[in-house]
Amino acid sequence: MTDHPVDLDKHRGMAAQKATDLRRSLAEVENHVRELREREADLEHRLMTVPSVSWPEAAVKARYLLNLYAASLPAEDTRHRALVTALLDDFARLGGDN
């Protein structure tokens, strides 16, 4: 017996290797998506349960919600997209984020 691991990938055909690579990539992406959803749920829980103590903190919550809203708008809804952009610009200007 040998102490060196055998690289089974070297013994597979090209089609099998590509299928294995795709499965590995898909599993990695699914893991990242799951982690992102968990982090997003944690953030949203904190945004809902921790009260803002200042207007800038409330604006952070509003920015997050506006970005969610803007992401759900159809591409052809340019009027509402422009309103969201104008309000986010106002937050940046008034909050000194420039």
Protein backbone atom coordinates (compact mmCIF):
# COMPACT_ATOMS: atom_id res chain seq x y z
CA MET A 1 0.00 0.00 0.00
CA THR A 2 1.12 3.55 -0.65
CA ASP A 3 0.73 6.65 1.49
CA HIS A 4 0.12 8.86 -1.54
CA PRO A 5 -3.49 9.57 -2.53
CA VAL A 6 -4.53 8.54 -6.02
CA ASP A 7 -5.85 11.39 -8.19
CA LEU A 8 -8.89 9.70 -9.67
CA ASP A 9 -9.60 12.73 -11.87
CA LYS A 10 -6.59 11.79 -14.02
CA HIS A 11 -8.16 8.43 -14.82
CA ARG A 12 -11.49 9.78 -16.05
CA GLY A 13 -12.36 10.60 -19.61
CA MET A 14 -12.75 14.22 -20.73
CA ALA A 15 -16.57 14.14 -20.64
CA ALA A 16 -16.59 12.66 -17.14
CA GLN A 17 -14.04 15.23 -15.97
CA LYS A 18 -16.13 18.09 -17.35
CA ALA A 19 -19.25 16.69 -15.66
CA THR A 20 -17.34 16.43 -12.37
CA ASP A 21 -16.06 20.01 -12.70
CA LEU A 22 -19.59 21.24 -13.40
CA ARG A 23 -20.98 19.42 -10.35
CA ARG A 24 -18.23 20.87 -8.17
CA SER A 25 -18.82 24.38 -9.51
CA LEU A 26 -22.57 24.08 -9.04
CA ALA A 27 -22.12 22.86 -5.46
CA GLU A 28 -19.81 25.79 -4.74
CA VAL A 29 -22.27 28.31 -6.20
CA GLU A 30 -25.17 26.77 -4.27
CA ASN A 31 -23.13 27.02 -1.08
CA HIS A 32 -22.35 30.70 -1.74
CA VAL A 33 -26.02 31.43 -2.47
CA ARG A 34 -27.07 29.72 0.76
CA GLU A 35 -24.49 31.72 2.75
CA LEU A 36 -25.61 34.96 1.09
CA ARG A 37 -29.27 34.27 1.91
CA GLU A 38 -28.36 33.55 5.53
CA ARG A 39 -26.37 36.80 5.80
CA GLU A 40 -29.18 38.72 4.12
CA ALA A 41 -31.74 37.25 6.55
CA ASP A 42 -29.51 38.18 9.49
CA LEU A 43 -29.11 41.75 8.20
CA GLU A 44 -32.85 42.14 7.64
CA HIS A 45 -33.58 40.77 11.11
CA ARG A 46 -31.24 43.35 12.63
CA LEU A 47 -32.71 46.15 10.50
CA MET A 48 -36.19 45.24 11.76
CA THR A 49 -35.38 44.71 15.42
CA VAL A 50 -32.75 47.32 16.22
CA PRO A 51 -34.27 50.80 16.33
CA SER A 52 -32.40 53.63 14.67
CA VAL A 53 -31.02 56.22 17.06
CA SER A 54 -30.36 58.89 14.44
CA TRP A 55 -31.57 60.04 11.04
CA PRO A 56 -28.43 58.70 9.29
CA GLU A 57 -29.14 55.24 10.73
CA ALA A 58 -32.75 55.45 9.54
CA ALA A 59 -31.46 56.50 6.11
CA VAL A 60 -29.31 53.33 5.98
CA LYS A 61 -32.45 51.25 6.45
CA ALA A 62 -34.31 53.31 3.85
CA ARG A 63 -31.44 52.91 1.35
CA TYR A 64 -31.52 49.14 1.79
CA LEU A 65 -35.27 49.01 1.28
CA LEU A 66 -35.13 51.34 -1.74
CA ASN A 67 -32.44 49.20 -3.34
CA LEU A 68 -34.63 46.10 -2.85
CA TYR A 69 -37.55 47.97 -4.38
CA ALA A 70 -35.48 49.23 -7.32
CA ALA A 71 -34.18 45.71 -8.01
CA SER A 72 -37.76 44.45 -8.33
CA LEU A 73 -38.79 47.15 -10.82
CA PRO A 74 -39.12 46.17 -14.46
CA ALA A 75 -36.46 47.66 -16.72
CA GLU A 76 -39.04 49.75 -18.58
CA ASP A 77 -40.21 51.50 -15.37
CA THR A 78 -37.77 54.37 -15.81
CA ARG A 79 -39.91 56.86 -13.90
CA HIS A 80 -39.81 54.94 -10.62
CA ARG A 81 -36.14 54.10 -11.14
CA ALA A 82 -35.42 57.81 -11.56
CA LEU A 83 -37.36 58.59 -8.35
CA VAL A 84 -35.35 56.01 -6.39
CA THR A 85 -32.09 57.36 -7.82
CA ALA A 86 -33.08 60.95 -6.95
CA LEU A 87 -33.94 59.97 -3.37
CA LEU A 88 -30.70 58.03 -2.92
CA ASP A 89 -28.82 61.07 -4.26
CA ASP A 90 -30.66 63.23 -1.71
CA PHE A 91 -29.64 60.87 1.09
CA ALA A 92 -26.01 61.05 -0.04
CA ARG A 93 -26.08 64.86 -0.33
CA LEU A 94 -27.86 65.45 2.96
CA GLY A 95 -25.87 62.81 4.80
CA GLY A 96 -22.55 64.20 3.64
CA ASP A 97 -21.66 60.98 1.80
CA ASN A 98 -20.15 62.86 -1.15
